[in-house]
C-alpha atoms as a PDB file:
ATOM      1  CA  MET A   1     303.939  72.280 127.527  1.00  0.00           C
ATOM      2  CA  ILE A   2     305.227  69.209 125.722  1.00  0.00           C
ATOM      3  CA  ASP A   3     308.930  68.455 126.026  1.00  0.00           C
ATOM      4  CA  ASP A   4     311.066  69.394 122.984  1.00  0.00           C
ATOM      5  CA  GLY A   5     312.929  66.085 123.252  1.00  0.00           C
ATOM      6  CA  LEU A   6     309.659  64.196 122.897  1.00  0.00           C
ATOM      7  CA  VAL A   7     308.590  66.306 119.927  1.00  0.00           C
ATOM      8  CA  SER A   8     311.870  65.533 118.184  1.00  0.00           C
ATOM      9  CA  ILE A   9     311.173  61.777 118.204  1.00  0.00           C
ATOM     10  CA  LEU A  10     307.468  61.870 117.325  1.00  0.00           C
ATOM     11  CA  ALA A  11     306.237  61.350 113.783  1.00  0.00           C
ATOM     12  CA  CYS A  12     302.894  61.610 112.058  1.00  0.00           C
ATOM     13  CA  PRO A  13     301.150  58.236 112.357  1.00  0.00           C
ATOM     14  CA  GLU A  14     299.899  58.496 108.781  1.00  0.00           C
ATOM     15  CA  ASP A  15     302.913  59.510 106.698  1.00  0.00           C
ATOM     16  CA  LYS A  16     305.736  59.151 109.283  1.00  0.00           C
ATOM     17  CA  THR A  17     307.028  62.700 108.727  1.00  0.00           C
ATOM     18  CA  PRO A  18     308.318  64.841 111.610  1.00  0.00           C
ATOM     19  CA  MET A  19     306.011  67.151 113.509  1.00  0.00           C
ATOM     20  CA  ARG A  20     306.463  70.514 115.156  1.00  0.00           C
ATOM     21  CA  PRO A  21     304.619  72.341 117.921  1.00  0.00           C
ATOM     22  CA  ALA A  22     301.661  74.372 116.681  1.00  0.00           C
ATOM     23  CA  THR A  23     302.158  78.125 116.699  1.00  0.00           C
ATOM     24  CA  ALA A  24     300.006  80.412 118.839  1.00  0.00           C
ATOM     25  CA  ALA A  25     298.332  81.655 115.640  1.00  0.00           C
ATOM     26  CA  GLU A  26     297.466  78.097 114.569  1.00  0.00           C
ATOM     27  CA  ILE A  27     295.987  77.276 117.992  1.00  0.00           C
ATOM     28  CA  ARG A  28     294.031  80.533 117.958  1.00  0.00           C
ATOM     29  CA  ALA A  29     292.598  79.785 114.493  1.00  0.00           C
ATOM     30  CA  VAL A  30     291.632  76.239 115.472  1.00  0.00           C
ATOM     31  CA  ASN A  31     289.958  77.467 118.669  1.00  0.00           C
ATOM     32  CA  GLN A  32     287.984  80.067 116.711  1.00  0.00           C
ATOM     33  CA  ARG A  33     286.663  77.311 114.448  1.00  0.00           C
ATOM     34  CA  ILE A  34     285.833  75.181 117.510  1.00  0.00           C
ATOM     35  CA  GLN A  35     283.906  78.063 119.081  1.00  0.00           C
ATOM     36  CA  ALA A  36     282.024  78.604 115.822  1.00  0.00           C
ATOM     37  CA  GLY A  37     281.032  74.925 115.846  1.00  0.00           C
ATOM     38  CA  SER A  38     282.466  74.424 112.378  1.00  0.00           C
ATOM     39  CA  LEU A  39     285.527  72.269 113.077  1.00  0.00           C
ATOM     40  CA  LYS A  40     285.463  68.547 112.334  1.00  0.00           C
ATOM     41  CA  ASN A  41     288.318  66.111 112.795  1.00  0.00           C
ATOM     42  CA  ARG A  42     289.284  63.595 110.131  1.00  0.00           C
ATOM     43  CA  SER A  43     286.668  61.113 111.307  1.00  0.00           C
ATOM     44  CA  GLY A  44     283.976  63.750 110.707  1.00  0.00           C
ATOM     45  CA  GLN A  45     283.192  64.400 114.380  1.00  0.00           C
ATOM     46  CA  ILE A  46     282.701  67.974 115.511  1.00  0.00           C
ATOM     47  CA  VAL A  47     285.490  69.093 117.828  1.00  0.00           C
ATOM     48  CA  THR A  48     283.986  70.756 120.909  1.00  0.00           C
ATOM     49  CA  VAL A  49     286.927  71.082 123.309  1.00  0.00           C
ATOM     50  CA  GLY A  50     289.381  73.937 122.819  1.00  0.00           C
ATOM     51  CA  LEU A  51     293.110  73.337 122.548  1.00  0.00           C
ATOM     52  CA  ARG A  52     296.095  74.798 124.370  1.00  0.00           C
ATOM     53  CA  GLU A  53     298.676  73.022 122.234  1.00  0.00           C
ATOM     54  CA  GLY A  54     299.069  70.645 119.336  1.00  0.00           C
ATOM     55  CA  LEU A  55     301.525  69.110 116.911  1.00  0.00           C
ATOM     56  CA  VAL A  56     301.500  69.994 113.228  1.00  0.00           C
ATOM     57  CA  ARG A  57     302.542  67.558 110.537  1.00  0.00           C
ATOM     58  CA  GLN A  58     305.547  68.593 108.436  1.00  0.00           C
ATOM     59  CA  ASP A  59     303.395  69.513 105.412  1.00  0.00           C
ATOM     60  CA  GLY A  60     301.147  71.702 107.592  1.00  0.00           C
ATOM     61  CA  ARG A  61     297.940  69.938 106.583  1.00  0.00           C
ATOM     62  CA  TYR A  62     296.960  68.468 109.968  1.00  0.00           C
ATOM     63  CA  LEU A  63     297.211  69.295 113.640  1.00  0.00           C
ATOM     64  CA  TYR A  64     297.232  66.534 116.228  1.00  0.00           C
ATOM     65  CA  PRO A  65     295.806  67.740 119.552  1.00  0.00           C
ATOM     66  CA  ILE A  66     297.681  67.535 122.822  1.00  0.00           C
ATOM     67  CA  ARG A  67     295.310  66.870 125.701  1.00  0.00           C
ATOM     68  CA  GLU A  68     296.502  66.914 129.320  1.00  0.00           C
ATOM     69  CA  ASP A  69     300.132  66.955 128.077  1.00  0.00           C
ATOM     70  CA  ILE A  70     299.577  63.779 126.004  1.00  0.00           C
ATOM     71  CA  PRO A  71     299.807  63.937 122.193  1.00  0.00           C
ATOM     72  CA  VAL A  72     296.773  62.273 120.603  1.00  0.00           C
ATOM     73  CA  LEU A  73     298.442  60.669 117.595  1.00  0.00           C
ATOM     74  CA  LEU A  74     295.414  59.009 116.040  1.00  0.00           C
ATOM     75  CA  VAL A  75     294.733  59.734 112.372  1.00  0.00           C
ATOM     76  CA  ASP A  76     290.985  60.077 113.017  1.00  0.00           C
ATOM     77  CA  GLU A  77     291.629  62.726 115.687  1.00  0.00           C
ATOM     78  CA  ALA A  78     293.772  64.908 113.392  1.00  0.00           C
ATOM     79  CA  ILE A  79     292.377  68.357 112.699  1.00  0.00           C
ATOM     80  CA  PRO A  80     292.614  69.689 109.132  1.00  0.00           C
ATOM     81  CA  LEU A  81     294.270  73.109 109.012  1.00  0.00           C
ATOM     82  CA  ALA A  82     293.233  74.017 105.461  1.00  0.00           C
END
């Protein structure tokens, strides 16, 4: 689990807004789309590895994955939530 102190200083690399930890429901929905083979990240690549946690941009449009306790804050790796 990512440290709350770290989350409080992180910002979206695209629009510089704060982020929050993804809810269990958001992670569940993303993982269902991954399992269905229908989830693409912003670069258009199909996401094949399930997530345990992520960070959601303030406006709720994108989730940035956390892999091995490291936030992947690359715009191309962001996962659209809409």
